Every structure is written in structure tokens, then in C-alpha cells.
Amino acid sequence: MFKRLFTAAIVFGIAATAPPAMAQQVTCALRDNVVQQLSGKYSEQLTGAGIQNSRRYIEVWAAPRTGTFTVLLTRPDGISCIIAAGNNWHQKPLDATAGDTPS
């Protein structure tokens, strides 16, 4: 009986302390520090960027050789947050004739 209670306590204790499966951690730091890590540790380079609104600048960093990529959101105060990262990045060539179409 003691073994069963002990085993149940261990199982439920581990389950209760485990992080939620869908929890997502957002990492933020000064943009220069984030960029230094992306370029130095992961060999990623800036592949595209744009202004989302007056308070958000979005950047996509990628490493063509390894296929890793990172999406950054930078605020006006110089803090960048990693909002997405992954593998198997592929770059689609831009269509040169599409430049005449307003966005």
C-alpha cells in the first residue's frame, strides 16, 4: 500500500510541477545584444524587415546554410523580442515585375 501511495505522490507531484505544454517563452533584450547572438552564435543575417506600426519594427533573420530563422519585434525603446524561431527556412526570390503594385 505504501508503495502505491508513494508512486502516486511522485507521479502527481511531477505532473503538477511540469510547465504547460503550450507555454511560450518570449525572450527580450537590447536589440544590439540580440543581433550579436543571432549573427555570432547562429550565423543568421537580416533577410527582411518592415514597420508594422509606429511602435513596432519587424525583422526576419535567417541562416541560409543551416536553415534556422528568427523573427524579431523591436520597440522604440530599443528592446527586441524574439516572437518566432524555427528551422527549414527557404527564401523565395522576389518577382522584379511586382514592384509596380502598391502595397
PDB file of N, CA and C in Angstrom:
ATOM      1  N   MET A   1       0.821  -1.190   0.000  1.00  0.00           N
ATOM      2  CA  MET A   1       0.000   0.000   0.000  1.00  0.00           C
ATOM      3  C   MET A   1       0.867   1.256   0.000  1.00  0.00           C
ATOM      4  N   PHE A   2       1.911   1.240   0.818  1.00  0.00           N
ATOM      5  CA  PHE A   2       2.803   2.402   0.896  1.00  0.00           C
ATOM      6  C   PHE A   2       3.448   2.694  -0.457  1.00  0.00           C
ATOM      7  N   LYS A   3       3.845   1.626  -1.178  1.00  0.00           N
ATOM      8  CA  LYS A   3       4.479   1.810  -2.485  1.00  0.00           C
ATOM      9  C   LYS A   3       3.521   2.508  -3.455  1.00  0.00           C
ATOM     10  N   ARG A   4       2.261   2.109  -3.435  1.00  0.00           N
ATOM     11  CA  ARG A   4       1.278   2.711  -4.342  1.00  0.00           C
ATOM     12  C   ARG A   4       1.065   4.182  -4.021  1.00  0.00           C
ATOM     13  N   LEU A   5       0.933   4.506  -2.749  1.00  0.00           N
ATOM     14  CA  LEU A   5       0.761   5.909  -2.358  1.00  0.00           C
ATOM     15  C   LEU A   5       1.992   6.740  -2.717  1.00  0.00           C
ATOM     16  N   PHE A   6       3.158   6.178  -2.475  1.00  0.00           N
ATOM     17  CA  PHE A   6       4.399   6.885  -2.789  1.00  0.00           C
ATOM     18  C   PHE A   6       4.519   7.118  -4.295  1.00  0.00           C
ATOM     19  N   THR A   7       4.238   6.096  -5.091  1.00  0.00           N
ATOM     20  CA  THR A   7       4.305   6.220  -6.547  1.00  0.00           C
ATOM     21  C   THR A   7       3.296   7.242  -7.050  1.00  0.00           C
ATOM     22  N   ALA A   8       2.072   7.200  -6.536  1.00  0.00           N
ATOM     23  CA  ALA A   8       1.046   8.164  -6.946  1.00  0.00           C
ATOM     24  C   ALA A   8       1.462   9.585  -6.580  1.00  0.00           C
ATOM     25  N   ALA A   9       2.051   9.759  -5.401  1.00  0.00           N
ATOM     26  CA  ALA A   9       2.505  11.091  -4.983  1.00  0.00           C
ATOM     27  C   ALA A   9       3.603  11.607  -5.905  1.00  0.00           C
ATOM     28  N   ILE A  10       4.519  10.758  -6.287  1.00  0.00           N
ATOM     29  CA  ILE A  10       5.596  11.157  -7.196  1.00  0.00           C
ATOM     30  C   ILE A  10       5.034  11.536  -8.563  1.00  0.00           C
ATOM     31  N   VAL A  11       4.177  10.701  -9.127  1.00  0.00           N
ATOM     32  CA  VAL A  11       3.597  10.956 -10.448  1.00  0.00           C
ATOM     33  C   VAL A  11       2.811  12.262 -10.455  1.00  0.00           C
ATOM     34  N   PHE A  12       1.937  12.439  -9.494  1.00  0.00           N
ATOM     35  CA  PHE A  12       1.134  13.660  -9.458  1.00  0.00           C
ATOM     36  C   PHE A  12       1.976  14.889  -9.106  1.00  0.00           C
ATOM     37  N   GLY A  13       3.003  14.701  -8.305  1.00  0.00           N
ATOM     38  CA  GLY A  13       3.908  15.806  -7.988  1.00  0.00           C
ATOM     39  C   GLY A  13       4.659  16.287  -9.211  1.00  0.00           C
ATOM     40  N   ILE A  14       5.140  15.362 -10.033  1.00  0.00           N
ATOM     41  CA  ILE A  14       5.838  15.727 -11.271  1.00  0.00           C
ATOM     42  C   ILE A  14       4.868  16.393 -12.235  1.00  0.00           C
ATOM     43  N   ALA A  15       3.687  15.851 -12.363  1.00  0.00           N
ATOM     44  CA  ALA A  15       2.693  16.431 -13.273  1.00  0.00           C
ATOM     45  C   ALA A  15       2.293  17.834 -12.840  1.00  0.00           C
ATOM     46  N   ALA A  16       2.201  18.062 -11.553  1.00  0.00           N
ATOM     47  CA  ALA A  16       1.785  19.371 -11.050  1.00  0.00           C
ATOM     48  C   ALA A  16       2.856  20.429 -11.228  1.00  0.00           C
ATOM     49  N   THR A  17       4.125  20.022 -11.217  1.00  0.00           N
ATOM     50  CA  THR A  17       5.210  20.997 -11.347  1.00  0.00           C
ATOM     51  C   THR A  17       5.697  21.167 -12.779  1.00  0.00           C
ATOM     52  N   ALA A  18       5.240  20.359 -13.698  1.00  0.00           N
ATOM     53  CA  ALA A  18       5.667  20.467 -15.096  1.00  0.00           C
ATOM     54  C   ALA A  18       5.075  21.721 -15.727  1.00  0.00           C
ATOM     55  N   PRO A  19       5.822  22.390 -16.615  1.00  0.00           N
ATOM     56  CA  PRO A  19       5.281  23.572 -17.277  1.00  0.00           C
ATOM     57  C   PRO A  19       4.182  23.193 -18.259  1.00  0.00           C
ATOM     58  N   PRO A  20       3.245  24.086 -18.530  1.00  0.00           N
ATOM     59  CA  PRO A  20       2.196  23.783 -19.501  1.00  0.00           C
ATOM     60  C   PRO A  20       2.799  23.490 -20.875  1.00  0.00           C
ATOM     61  N   ALA A  21       2.201  22.562 -21.578  1.00  0.00           N
ATOM     62  CA  ALA A  21       2.739  22.165 -22.877  1.00  0.00           C
ATOM     63  C   ALA A  21       2.717  23.295 -23.891  1.00  0.00           C
ATOM     64  N   MET A  22       1.733  24.167 -23.818  1.00  0.00           N
ATOM     65  CA  MET A  22       1.612  25.223 -24.810  1.00  0.00           C
ATOM     66  C   MET A  22       2.255  26.539 -24.360  1.00  0.00           C
ATOM     67  N   ALA A  23       2.960  26.537 -23.252  1.00  0.00           N
ATOM     68  CA  ALA A  23       3.584  27.772 -22.766  1.00  0.00           C
ATOM     69  C   ALA A  23       4.669  28.200 -23.738  1.00  0.00           C
ATOM     70  N   GLN A  24       4.720  29.479 -24.015  1.00  0.00           N
ATOM     71  CA  GLN A  24       5.712  30.012 -24.940  1.00  0.00           C
ATOM     72  C   GLN A  24       6.476  31.105 -24.221  1.00  0.00           C
ATOM     73  N   GLN A  25       7.777  30.991 -24.243  1.00  0.00           N
ATOM     74  CA  GLN A  25       8.614  31.970 -23.575  1.00  0.00           C
ATOM     75  C   GLN A  25       9.050  33.024 -24.596  1.00  0.00           C
ATOM     76  N   VAL A  26       8.845  34.279 -24.260  1.00  0.00           N
ATOM     77  CA  VAL A  26       9.283  35.374 -25.107  1.00  0.00           C
ATOM     78  C   VAL A  26      10.560  35.928 -24.510  1.00  0.00           C
ATOM     79  N   THR A  27      11.616  35.992 -25.314  1.00  0.00           N
ATOM     80  CA  THR A  27      12.897  36.486 -24.868  1.00  0.00           C
ATOM     81  C   THR A  27      13.100  37.893 -25.399  1.00  0.00           C
ATOM     82  N   CYS A  28      13.377  38.842 -24.511  1.00  0.00           N
ATOM     83  CA  CYS A  28      13.597  40.235 -24.892  1.00  0.00           C
ATOM     84  C   CYS A  28      14.917  40.725 -24.325  1.00  0.00           C
ATOM     85  N   ALA A  29      15.576  41.603 -25.082  1.00  0.00           N
ATOM     86  CA  ALA A  29      16.834  42.203 -24.643  1.00  0.00           C
ATOM     87  C   ALA A  29      17.114  43.401 -25.549  1.00  0.00           C
ATOM     88  N   LEU A  30      18.177  44.128 -25.246  1.00  0.00           N
ATOM     89  CA  LEU A  30      18.581  45.214 -26.138  1.00  0.00           C
ATOM     90  C   LEU A  30      18.834  44.654 -27.531  1.00  0.00           C
ATOM     91  N   ARG A  31      18.391  45.372 -28.550  1.00  0.00           N
ATOM     92  CA  ARG A  31      18.496  44.880 -29.921  1.00  0.00           C
ATOM     93  C   ARG A  31      19.926  44.497 -30.276  1.00  0.00           C
ATOM     94  N   ASP A  32      20.902  45.324 -29.897  1.00  0.00           N
ATOM     95  CA  ASP A  32      22.301  45.020 -30.230  1.00  0.00           C
ATOM     96  C   ASP A  32      22.739  43.675 -29.655  1.00  0.00           C
ATOM     97  N   ASN A  33      22.292  43.358 -28.446  1.00  0.00           N
ATOM     98  CA  ASN A  33      22.648  42.072 -27.835  1.00  0.00           C
ATOM     99  C   ASN A  33      21.988  40.908 -28.562  1.00  0.00           C
ATOM    100  N   VAL A  34      20.727  41.066 -28.936  1.00  0.00           N
ATOM    101  CA  VAL A  34      20.018  40.005 -29.661  1.00  0.00           C
ATOM    102  C   VAL A  34      20.666  39.769 -31.020  1.00  0.00           C
ATOM    103  N   VAL A  35      20.959  40.854 -31.743  1.00  0.00           N
ATOM    104  CA  VAL A  35      21.572  40.745 -33.073  1.00  0.00           C
ATOM    105  C   VAL A  35      22.947  40.090 -32.978  1.00  0.00           C
ATOM    106  N   GLN A  36      23.697  40.425 -31.940  1.00  0.00           N
ATOM    107  CA  GLN A  36      25.016  39.827 -31.747  1.00  0.00           C
ATOM    108  C   GLN A  36      24.900  38.312 -31.580  1.00  0.00           C
ATOM    109  N   GLN A  37      23.909  37.860 -30.817  1.00  0.00           N
ATOM    110  CA  GLN A  37      23.694  36.426 -30.640  1.00  0.00           C
ATOM    111  C   GLN A  37      23.255  35.751 -31.939  1.00  0.00           C
ATOM    112  N   LEU A  38      22.327  36.388 -32.654  1.00  0.00           N
ATOM    113  CA  LEU A  38      21.824  35.796 -33.898  1.00  0.00           C
ATOM    114  C   LEU A  38      22.931  35.662 -34.935  1.00  0.00           C
ATOM    115  N   SER A  39      23.736  36.697 -35.079  1.00  0.00           N
ATOM    116  CA  SER A  39      24.789  36.648 -36.097  1.00  0.00           C
ATOM    117  C   SER A  39      25.987  35.820 -35.640  1.00  0.00           C
ATOM    118  N   GLY A  40      26.362  35.922 -34.373  1.00  0.00           N
ATOM    119  CA  GLY A  40      27.530  35.202 -33.885  1.00  0.00           C
ATOM    120  C   GLY A  40      27.286  33.734 -33.630  1.00  0.00           C
ATOM    121  N   LYS A  41      26.278  33.423 -32.846  1.00  0.00           N
ATOM    122  CA  LYS A  41      26.020  32.036 -32.438  1.00  0.00           C
ATOM    123  C   LYS A  41      25.307  31.220 -33.513  1.00  0.00           C
ATOM    124  N   TYR A  42      24.379  31.856 -34.253  1.00  0.00           N
ATOM    125  CA  TYR A  42      23.560  31.116 -35.213  1.00  0.00           C
ATOM    126  C   TYR A  42      23.872  31.441 -36.670  1.00  0.00           C
ATOM    127  N   SER A  43      24.799  32.359 -36.910  1.00  0.00           N
ATOM    128  CA  SER A  43      25.184  32.780 -38.275  1.00  0.00           C
ATOM    129  C   SER A  43      23.991  33.312 -39.063  1.00  0.00           C
ATOM    130  N   GLU A  44      23.006  33.867 -38.379  1.00  0.00           N
ATOM    131  CA  GLU A  44      21.847  34.430 -39.070  1.00  0.00           C
ATOM    132  C   GLU A  44      22.149  35.854 -39.516  1.00  0.00           C
ATOM    133  N   GLN A  45      21.518  36.235 -40.605  1.00  0.00           N
ATOM    134  CA  GLN A  45      21.668  37.582 -41.128  1.00  0.00           C
ATOM    135  C   GLN A  45      20.291  38.155 -41.454  1.00  0.00           C
ATOM    136  N   LEU A  46      20.205  39.460 -41.464  1.00  0.00           N
ATOM    137  CA  LEU A  46      18.937  40.128 -41.731  1.00  0.00           C
ATOM    138  C   LEU A  46      18.508  39.838 -43.168  1.00  0.00           C
ATOM    139  N   THR A  47      17.301  39.282 -43.324  1.00  0.00           N
ATOM    140  CA  THR A  47      16.810  38.963 -44.664  1.00  0.00           C
ATOM    141  C   THR A  47      15.616  39.807 -45.072  1.00  0.00           C
ATOM    142  N   GLY A  48      14.985  40.463 -44.124  1.00  0.00           N
ATOM    143  CA  GLY A  48      13.851  41.322 -44.440  1.00  0.00           C
ATOM    144  C   GLY A  48      13.358  42.039 -43.197  1.00  0.00           C
ATOM    145  N   ALA A  49      12.718  43.186 -43.418  1.00  0.00           N
ATOM    146  CA  ALA A  49      12.213  43.963 -42.288  1.00  0.00           C
ATOM    147  C   ALA A  49      11.119  44.893 -42.775  1.00  0.00           C
ATOM    148  N   GLY A  50      10.317  45.374 -41.826  1.00  0.00           N
ATOM    149  CA  GLY A  50       9.276  46.321 -42.158  1.00  0.00           C
ATOM    150  C   GLY A  50       8.666  46.927 -40.904  1.00  0.00           C
ATOM    151  N   ILE A  51       8.032  48.069 -41.079  1.00  0.00           N
ATOM    152  CA  ILE A  51       7.381  48.746 -39.974  1.00  0.00           C
ATOM    153  C   ILE A  51       5.941  48.257 -39.892  1.00  0.00           C
ATOM    154  N   GLN A  52       5.574  47.695 -38.751  1.00  0.00           N
ATOM    155  CA  GLN A  52       4.207  47.224 -38.552  1.00  0.00           C
ATOM    156  C   GLN A  52       3.302  48.392 -38.192  1.00  0.00           C
ATOM    157  N   ASN A  53       3.775  49.228 -37.292  1.00  0.00           N
ATOM    158  CA  ASN A  53       3.079  50.459 -36.923  1.00  0.00           C
ATOM    159  C   ASN A  53       4.099  51.373 -36.245  1.00  0.00           C
ATOM    160  N   SER A  54       3.670  52.487 -35.708  1.00  0.00           N
ATOM    161  CA  SER A  54       4.617  53.439 -35.137  1.00  0.00           C
ATOM    162  C   SER A  54       5.361  52.902 -33.915  1.00  0.00           C
ATOM    163  N   ARG A  55       4.939  51.772 -33.389  1.00  0.00           N
ATOM    164  CA  ARG A  55       5.575  51.235 -32.188  1.00  0.00           C
ATOM    165  C   ARG A  55       6.181  49.844 -32.391  1.00  0.00           C
ATOM    166  N   ARG A  56       6.183  49.349 -33.630  1.00  0.00           N
ATOM    167  CA  ARG A  56       6.707  48.004 -33.869  1.00  0.00           C
ATOM    168  C   ARG A  56       7.459  47.914 -35.192  1.00  0.00           C
ATOM    169  N   TYR A  57       8.679  47.421 -35.110  1.00  0.00           N
ATOM    170  CA  TYR A  57       9.512  47.169 -36.275  1.00  0.00           C
ATOM    171  C   TYR A  57       9.784  45.668 -36.295  1.00  0.00           C
ATOM    172  N   ILE A  58       9.429  45.008 -37.382  1.00  0.00           N
ATOM    173  CA  ILE A  58       9.554  43.555 -37.503  1.00  0.00           C
ATOM    174  C   ILE A  58      10.752  43.223 -38.386  1.00  0.00           C
ATOM    175  N   GLU A  59      11.577  42.270 -37.941  1.00  0.00           N
ATOM    176  CA  GLU A  59      12.738  41.822 -38.709  1.00  0.00           C
ATOM    177  C   GLU A  59      12.734  40.300 -38.812  1.00  0.00           C
ATOM    178  N   VAL A  60      13.197  39.798 -39.944  1.00  0.00           N
ATOM    179  CA  VAL A  60      13.391  38.359 -40.124  1.00  0.00           C
ATOM    180  C   VAL A  60      14.884  38.129 -40.343  1.00  0.00           C
ATOM    181  N   TRP A  61      15.462  37.318 -39.484  1.00  0.00           N
ATOM    182  CA  TRP A  61      16.867  36.930 -39.567  1.00  0.00           C
ATOM    183  C   TRP A  61      16.901  35.460 -39.947  1.00  0.00           C
ATOM    184  N   ALA A  62      17.818  35.085 -40.832  1.00  0.00           N
ATOM    185  CA  ALA A  62      17.895  33.688 -41.258  1.00  0.00           C
ATOM    186  C   ALA A  62      19.328  33.302 -41.598  1.00  0.00           C
ATOM    187  N   ALA A  63      19.601  32.022 -41.496  1.00  0.00           N
ATOM    188  CA  ALA A  63      20.897  31.453 -41.875  1.00  0.00           C
ATOM    189  C   ALA A  63      20.667  30.496 -43.033  1.00  0.00           C
ATOM    190  N   PRO A  64      21.013  30.918 -44.260  1.00  0.00           N
ATOM    191  CA  PRO A  64      20.760  30.063 -45.420  1.00  0.00           C
ATOM    192  C   PRO A  64      21.431  28.689 -45.333  1.00  0.00           C
ATOM    193  N   ARG A  65      22.615  28.618 -44.718  1.00  0.00           N
ATOM    194  CA  ARG A  65      23.348  27.359 -44.671  1.00  0.00           C
ATOM    195  C   ARG A  65      22.676  26.354 -43.735  1.00  0.00           C
ATOM    196  N   THR A  66      22.216  26.815 -42.567  1.00  0.00           N
ATOM    197  CA  THR A  66      21.624  25.886 -41.594  1.00  0.00           C
ATOM    198  C   THR A  66      20.104  25.851 -41.656  1.00  0.00           C
ATOM    199  N   GLY A  67      19.482  26.877 -42.230  1.00  0.00           N
ATOM    200  CA  GLY A  67      18.030  26.914 -42.342  1.00  0.00           C
ATOM    201  C   GLY A  67      17.315  27.447 -41.123  1.00  0.00           C
ATOM    202  N   THR A  68      18.054  27.937 -40.120  1.00  0.00           N
ATOM    203  CA  THR A  68      17.383  28.499 -38.953  1.00  0.00           C
ATOM    204  C   THR A  68      16.885  29.903 -39.269  1.00  0.00           C
ATOM    205  N   PHE A  69      15.836  30.332 -38.565  1.00  0.00           N
ATOM    206  CA  PHE A  69      15.338  31.695 -38.731  1.00  0.00           C
ATOM    207  C   PHE A  69      14.769  32.201 -37.417  1.00  0.00           C
ATOM    208  N   THR A  70      14.744  33.538 -37.296  1.00  0.00           N
ATOM    209  CA  THR A  70      14.232  34.195 -36.105  1.00  0.00           C
ATOM    210  C   THR A  70      13.459  35.429 -36.528  1.00  0.00           C
ATOM    211  N   VAL A  71      12.300  35.650 -35.928  1.00  0.00           N
ATOM    212  CA  VAL A  71      11.510  36.853 -36.189  1.00  0.00           C
ATOM    213  C   VAL A  71      11.590  37.722 -34.938  1.00  0.00           C
ATOM    214  N   LEU A  72      12.035  38.971 -35.134  1.00  0.00           N
ATOM    215  CA  LEU A  72      12.179  39.920 -34.032  1.00  0.00           C
ATOM    216  C   LEU A  72      11.135  41.007 -34.122  1.00  0.00           C
ATOM    217  N   LEU A  73      10.692  41.464 -32.976  1.00  0.00           N
ATOM    218  CA  LEU A  73       9.844  42.639 -32.872  1.00  0.00           C
ATOM    219  C   LEU A  73      10.649  43.645 -32.045  1.00  0.00           C
ATOM    220  N   THR A  74      10.934  44.821 -32.631  1.00  0.00           N
ATOM    221  CA  THR A  74      11.706  45.829 -31.923  1.00  0.00           C
ATOM    222  C   THR A  74      10.822  47.016 -31.596  1.00  0.00           C
ATOM    223  N   ARG A  75      10.907  47.446 -30.341  1.00  0.00           N
ATOM    224  CA  ARG A  75      10.123  48.575 -29.853  1.00  0.00           C
ATOM    225  C   ARG A  75      10.936  49.866 -29.971  1.00  0.00           C
ATOM    226  N   PRO A  76      10.285  51.024 -29.863  1.00  0.00           N
ATOM    227  CA  PRO A  76      11.002  52.296 -29.954  1.00  0.00           C
ATOM    228  C   PRO A  76      12.082  52.480 -28.889  1.00  0.00           C
ATOM    229  N   ASP A  77      11.974  51.788 -27.755  1.00  0.00           N
ATOM    230  CA  ASP A  77      12.975  51.940 -26.706  1.00  0.00           C
ATOM    231  C   ASP A  77      14.229  51.095 -26.942  1.00  0.00           C
ATOM    232  N   GLY A  78      14.305  50.411 -28.103  1.00  0.00           N
ATOM    233  CA  GLY A  78      15.494  49.633 -28.451  1.00  0.00           C
ATOM    234  C   GLY A  78      15.484  48.213 -27.936  1.00  0.00           C
ATOM    235  N   ILE A  79      14.390  47.786 -27.330  1.00  0.00           N
ATOM    236  CA  ILE A  79      14.268  46.407 -26.857  1.00  0.00           C
ATOM    237  C   ILE A  79      13.678  45.559 -27.971  1.00  0.00           C
ATOM    238  N   SER A  80      14.339  44.430 -28.258  1.00  0.00           N
ATOM    239  CA  SER A  80      13.856  43.484 -29.263  1.00  0.00           C
ATOM    240  C   SER A  80      13.393  42.216 -28.569  1.00  0.00           C
ATOM    241  N   CYS A  81      12.290  41.671 -29.050  1.00  0.00           N
ATOM    242  CA  CYS A  81      11.751  40.422 -28.523  1.00  0.00           C
ATOM    243  C   CYS A  81      11.691  39.389 -29.644  1.00  0.00           C
ATOM    244  N   ILE A  82      12.130  38.184 -29.338  1.00  0.00           N
ATOM    245  CA  ILE A  82      12.034  37.089 -30.302  1.00  0.00           C
ATOM    246  C   ILE A  82      10.603  36.571 -30.226  1.00  0.00           C
ATOM    247  N   ILE A  83       9.872  36.737 -31.333  1.00  0.00           N
ATOM    248  CA  ILE A  83       8.474  36.313 -31.328  1.00  0.00           C
ATOM    249  C   ILE A  83       8.258  35.000 -32.074  1.00  0.00           C
ATOM    250  N   ALA A  84       9.261  34.561 -32.828  1.00  0.00           N
ATOM    251  CA  ALA A  84       9.177  33.267 -33.506  1.00  0.00           C
ATOM    252  C   ALA A  84      10.582  32.841 -33.914  1.00  0.00           C
ATOM    253  N   ALA A  85      10.803  31.543 -33.949  1.00  0.00           N
ATOM    254  CA  ALA A  85      12.076  30.984 -34.402  1.00  0.00           C
ATOM    255  C   ALA A  85      11.807  29.572 -34.889  1.00  0.00           C
ATOM    256  N   GLY A  86      12.641  29.121 -35.820  1.00  0.00           N
ATOM    257  CA  GLY A  86      12.412  27.783 -36.337  1.00  0.00           C
ATOM    258  C   GLY A  86      13.506  27.311 -37.260  1.00  0.00           C
ATOM    259  N   ASN A  87      13.203  26.251 -37.993  1.00  0.00           N
ATOM    260  CA  ASN A  87      14.141  25.603 -38.913  1.00  0.00           C
ATOM    261  C   ASN A  87      13.537  25.524 -40.309  1.00  0.00           C
ATOM    262  N   ASN A  88      14.349  25.079 -41.248  1.00  0.00           N
ATOM    263  CA  ASN A  88      13.946  24.832 -42.633  1.00  0.00           C
ATOM    264  C   ASN A  88      13.501  26.100 -43.355  1.00  0.00           C
ATOM    265  N   TRP A  89      14.169  27.218 -43.071  1.00  0.00           N
ATOM    266  CA  TRP A  89      13.882  28.470 -43.759  1.00  0.00           C
ATOM    267  C   TRP A  89      14.296  28.348 -45.221  1.00  0.00           C
ATOM    268  N   HIS A  90      13.471  28.861 -46.114  1.00  0.00           N
ATOM    269  CA  HIS A  90      13.836  28.956 -47.521  1.00  0.00           C
ATOM    270  C   HIS A  90      13.397  30.328 -48.020  1.00  0.00           C
ATOM    271  N   GLN A  91      14.240  30.918 -48.820  1.00  0.00           N
ATOM    272  CA  GLN A  91      13.992  32.265 -49.324  1.00  0.00           C
ATOM    273  C   GLN A  91      13.395  32.167 -50.718  1.00  0.00           C
ATOM    274  N   LYS A  92      12.272  32.804 -50.912  1.00  0.00           N
ATOM    275  CA  LYS A  92      11.635  32.839 -52.225  1.00  0.00           C
ATOM    276  C   LYS A  92      12.169  34.060 -52.973  1.00  0.00           C
ATOM    277  N   PRO A  93      12.652  33.877 -54.187  1.00  0.00           N
ATOM    278  CA  PRO A  93      13.135  35.027 -54.963  1.00  0.00           C
ATOM    279  C   PRO A  93      11.993  36.019 -55.225  1.00  0.00           C
ATOM    280  N   LEU A  94      12.311  37.298 -55.131  1.00  0.00           N
ATOM    281  CA  LEU A  94      11.315  38.317 -55.408  1.00  0.00           C
ATOM    282  C   LEU A  94      11.077  38.451 -56.898  1.00  0.00           C
ATOM    283  N   ASP A  95       9.844  38.728 -57.275  1.00  0.00           N
ATOM    284  CA  ASP A  95       9.475  38.948 -58.665  1.00  0.00           C
ATOM    285  C   ASP A  95       9.766  40.416 -58.996  1.00  0.00           C
ATOM    286  N   ALA A  96      10.665  40.660 -59.928  1.00  0.00           N
ATOM    287  CA  ALA A  96      11.075  42.026 -60.272  1.00  0.00           C
ATOM    288  C   ALA A  96       9.922  42.849 -60.860  1.00  0.00           C
ATOM    289  N   THR A  97       8.957  42.218 -61.490  1.00  0.00           N
ATOM    290  CA  THR A  97       7.833  42.953 -62.077  1.00  0.00           C
ATOM    291  C   THR A  97       6.776  43.334 -61.050  1.00  0.00           C
ATOM    292  N   ALA A  98       6.827  42.762 -59.878  1.00  0.00           N
ATOM    293  CA  ALA A  98       5.819  43.029 -58.857  1.00  0.00           C
ATOM    294  C   ALA A  98       6.048  44.377 -58.166  1.00  0.00           C
ATOM    295  N   GLY A  99       7.142  45.041 -58.448  1.00  0.00           N
ATOM    296  CA  GLY A  99       7.470  46.302 -57.784  1.00  0.00           C
ATOM    297  C   GLY A  99       6.538  47.434 -58.142  1.00  0.00           C
ATOM    298  N   ASP A 100       5.771  47.328 -59.218  1.00  0.00           N
ATOM    299  CA  ASP A 100       4.867  48.390 -59.646  1.00  0.00           C
ATOM    300  C   ASP A 100       3.520  48.331 -58.947  1.00  0.00           C
ATOM    301  N   THR A 101       3.270  47.298 -58.157  1.00  0.00           N
ATOM    302  CA  THR A 101       1.997  47.136 -57.490  1.00  0.00           C
ATOM    303  C   THR A 101       2.053  47.799 -56.115  1.00  0.00           C
ATOM    304  N   PRO A 102       1.139  48.748 -55.841  1.00  0.00           N
ATOM    305  CA  PRO A 102       1.164  49.353 -54.499  1.00  0.00           C
ATOM    306  C   PRO A 102       0.783  48.341 -53.424  1.00  0.00           C
ATOM    307  N   SER A 103       1.347  48.515 -52.244  1.00  0.00           N
ATOM    308  CA  SER A 103       1.061  47.564 -51.165  1.00  0.00           C
ATOM    309  C   SER A 103      -0.135  47.999 -50.355  1.00  0.00           C
TER     310      SER A 103
END
